[in-house]
Protein backbone atom coordinates (compact mmCIF):
# COMPACT_ATOMS: atom_id res chain seq x y z
CA MET A 1 10.83 -7.52 13.77
CA ARG A 2 8.89 -8.28 10.40
CA GLU A 3 8.02 -4.38 9.90
CA ALA A 4 10.92 -3.05 10.46
CA LEU A 5 12.34 -5.79 7.86
CA PHE A 6 9.43 -4.66 5.66
CA GLY A 7 10.59 -1.15 6.21
CA ILE A 8 14.38 -1.03 5.51
CA LEU A 9 13.43 -2.54 2.27
CA ALA A 10 10.40 0.08 1.74
CA SER A 11 13.43 1.92 2.01
CA ALA A 12 15.80 0.92 -0.47
CA GLN A 13 12.32 0.37 -3.00
CA ALA A 14 13.71 -3.01 -3.07
CA ILE A 15 9.76 -4.49 -2.91
CA GLU A 16 7.38 -2.26 -5.78
CA GLY A 17 7.74 -5.31 -9.14
CA ALA A 18 10.30 -7.48 -7.18
CA ARG A 19 10.75 -10.46 -8.00
CA VAL A 20 10.37 -12.77 -4.55
CA LEU A 21 12.24 -15.94 -3.16
CA ASP A 22 11.27 -16.99 -0.05
CA LEU A 23 13.77 -20.08 1.41
CA TYR A 24 12.45 -22.08 3.62
CA ALA A 25 9.34 -20.19 3.57
CA GLY A 26 7.22 -21.52 5.47
CA THR A 27 4.29 -20.74 6.16
CA GLY A 28 4.44 -18.08 3.23
CA ALA A 29 5.02 -15.22 6.24
CA LEU A 30 8.42 -13.37 4.90
CA GLY A 31 6.44 -13.72 0.59
CA LEU A 32 2.90 -13.32 1.73
CA GLU A 33 3.71 -9.56 2.83
CA ALA A 34 5.92 -8.69 -0.12
CA LEU A 35 3.37 -9.69 -1.62
CA SER A 36 1.15 -7.71 -0.03
CA ARG A 37 3.89 -4.63 -0.48
CA GLY A 38 3.31 -4.47 -3.87
CA ALA A 39 5.95 -7.79 -4.86
CA ALA A 40 5.84 -9.24 -8.50
CA GLN A 41 5.66 -12.17 -7.74
CA ALA A 42 7.22 -15.37 -4.74
CA THR A 43 8.76 -18.02 -5.11
CA PHE A 44 7.87 -20.15 -2.00
CA VAL A 45 10.10 -23.30 -1.30
CA GLU A 46 10.01 -25.21 1.69
CA SER A 47 10.90 -28.49 2.31
CA SER A 48 8.03 -29.12 5.17
CA ARG A 49 5.10 -31.26 3.66
CA SER A 50 2.60 -29.80 6.07
CA ALA A 51 4.22 -26.48 5.65
CA VAL A 52 3.47 -26.97 1.93
CA GLU A 53 -0.07 -27.68 3.11
CA VAL A 54 -0.72 -24.60 5.25
CA LEU A 55 1.31 -22.28 2.72
CA ARG A 56 -0.86 -23.26 -0.43
CA ALA A 57 -4.38 -22.02 1.96
CA ASN A 58 -2.14 -19.15 2.51
CA ILE A 59 -1.63 -18.52 -1.02
CA GLY A 60 -5.55 -19.77 -1.57
CA ALA A 61 -6.82 -17.38 1.43
CA LEU A 62 -5.27 -14.24 -0.26
CA GLY A 63 -6.13 -15.15 -3.31
CA VAL A 64 -2.35 -15.26 -4.81
CA GLU A 65 -2.39 -18.37 -6.81
CA ALA A 66 -1.64 -15.85 -10.78
CA THR A 67 1.49 -14.73 -8.99
CA ALA A 68 2.58 -17.53 -5.72
CA ARG A 69 4.26 -20.29 -6.52
CA ILE A 70 6.09 -23.51 -5.05
CA VAL A 71 9.55 -25.12 -5.34
CA GLU A 72 8.16 -27.88 -2.97
CA GLY A 73 12.66 -29.55 -1.61
CA GLU A 74 15.60 -28.86 0.30
CA VAL A 75 16.47 -25.48 -0.50
CA GLU A 76 20.43 -27.45 -0.66
CA ARG A 77 19.01 -30.10 -3.00
CA SER A 78 16.43 -27.41 -5.39
CA GLY A 79 19.45 -25.45 -7.23
CA ARG A 80 17.99 -25.87 -9.93
CA ARG A 81 14.01 -25.70 -9.86
CA ILE A 82 14.75 -22.64 -8.29
CA ALA A 83 17.95 -20.97 -10.73
CA ALA A 84 15.26 -21.88 -13.63
CA LEU A 85 12.69 -19.55 -11.83
CA GLY A 86 14.43 -16.42 -11.40
CA PRO A 87 17.00 -13.85 -11.36
CA PHE A 88 15.08 -12.72 -8.38
CA ASP A 89 15.82 -8.58 -7.40
CA LEU A 90 14.66 -9.86 -3.32
CA VAL A 91 15.65 -13.37 -1.50
CA LEU A 92 15.28 -13.91 2.18
CA ALA A 93 16.73 -16.57 3.96
CA ASP A 94 14.65 -17.66 7.36
CA PRO A 95 16.48 -20.64 7.89
CA PRO A 96 16.25 -22.69 11.17
CA TRP A 97 18.61 -21.23 13.11
CA ALA A 98 20.12 -24.42 14.21
CA LEU A 99 21.69 -24.83 10.63
CA VAL A 100 23.09 -21.30 9.65
CA ASP A 101 25.04 -22.86 12.59
CA MET A 102 25.79 -26.32 10.91
CA GLY A 103 26.97 -23.83 7.70
CA ASP A 104 24.37 -25.60 6.00
CA PRO A 105 22.12 -22.13 4.39
CA GLN A 106 25.66 -19.99 3.15
CA ARG A 107 26.54 -23.51 1.37
CA ALA A 108 22.57 -22.92 -0.45
CA LEU A 109 22.86 -19.14 -0.96
CA LEU A 110 25.79 -18.87 -2.10
CA ALA A 111 25.66 -21.64 -5.21
CA LEU A 112 22.20 -19.97 -5.71
CA VAL A 113 24.41 -16.68 -5.57
CA GLY A 114 26.89 -19.19 -8.07
CA ALA A 115 23.69 -20.73 -10.57
CA GLY A 116 22.60 -16.72 -11.29
CA VAL A 117 19.58 -16.60 -9.10
CA LEU A 118 20.05 -13.01 -7.43
CA ALA A 119 19.08 -10.09 -10.72
CA PRO A 120 22.22 -7.47 -10.96
CA LEU A 121 20.68 -5.36 -8.83
CA ALA A 122 19.75 -8.02 -5.76
CA TRP A 123 19.03 -7.89 -2.61
CA LEU A 124 19.45 -10.61 0.23
CA VAL A 125 18.81 -10.63 3.62
CA LEU A 126 19.78 -13.62 6.39
CA GLU A 127 17.44 -14.14 8.95
CA HIS A 128 19.48 -15.74 12.17
CA SER A 129 20.29 -15.88 15.46
CA SER A 130 21.54 -13.10 17.57
CA ARG A 131 23.86 -15.28 18.47
CA THR A 132 25.96 -16.19 15.73
CA PRO A 133 27.37 -13.93 13.83
CA ALA A 134 27.05 -11.99 10.61
CA PRO A 135 27.52 -14.91 8.33
CA GLU A 136 30.22 -14.22 5.76
CA LEU A 137 28.95 -14.52 2.14
CA GLU A 138 31.54 -15.67 -0.30
CA SER A 139 30.83 -13.27 -3.95
CA LEU A 140 28.45 -10.81 -0.96
CA ALA A 141 29.07 -7.61 0.96
CA ASN A 142 27.36 -7.68 4.58
CA ILE A 143 25.38 -3.38 4.00
CA ARG A 144 24.06 -4.01 7.55
CA THR A 145 22.88 -5.80 10.24
CA ARG A 146 20.52 -4.85 12.61
CA ALA A 147 19.85 -6.77 16.24
CA TYR A 148 15.97 -7.13 17.06
CA GLY A 149 16.29 -9.27 20.62
CA ASP A 150 16.90 -12.74 19.42
CA THR A 151 16.41 -11.90 15.77
CA THR A 152 19.41 -10.76 13.87
CA LEU A 153 18.80 -9.15 9.45
CA THR A 154 21.33 -9.46 7.21
CA PHE A 155 21.51 -7.84 4.45
CA TYR A 156 23.50 -8.65 1.52
CA LYS A 157 23.86 -7.31 -2.30
CA THR A 158 26.74 -8.50 -4.26
CA ALA A 159 29.98 -7.30 -3.56
CA ILE A 160 31.23 -5.21 -6.56
CA LEU A 161 28.08 -3.74 -6.40
CA ALA A 162 28.13 -2.45 -3.50
CA CYS A 163 31.64 -0.53 -4.19
CA SER A 164 29.93 1.38 -6.24
CA SER A 165 28.63 5.29 -6.50
CA PRO A 166 26.53 6.60 -3.74
CA ASP A 167 23.42 5.97 -5.42
CA SER A 168 24.18 1.92 -7.07
CA GLY A 169 20.94 1.40 -4.42
CA ALA A 170 23.99 -0.77 -2.03
CA GLU A 171 22.71 0.85 1.39
CA PRO A 172 19.92 1.21 2.92
CA PRO A 173 18.72 3.42 4.51
CA SER A 174 18.26 3.34 8.73
CA ASP A 175 15.13 3.04 9.46
């Protein structure tokens, strides 16, 4: 699934030089993968102290301290700190699936969009259970939803950009 995700994003030219926001980062696998594929920097948001320690160790082991930042706290309560570090070209959100069912990440993502966290041509990718329909995110257009077994990736763009010309980068290429 991760290989498919990054294949789609690379084909859409969404990684090289990007400022990445990895929400619900855990050990940082998604943001670190983006850095390894040419992202300019990654900001990781994680609330679990033990996961943050592993994340710090992973950043150190890979030698990417200069391009990685950590915001320790819940995504839902860290909006101002996140917004101050933006805007971001690529947002990767892998929340606990139970939170998606309750709508918490959707509210947090919409608050971040409202705070101006997304760059004008930004991508937002939400990972969720395949049993859960792709969440509707007001002001964002669902460009594509791809299921990989139990996991689904939903790709979003700013709605006004998704309706613009074919060369706007609004639709990811097939994988």
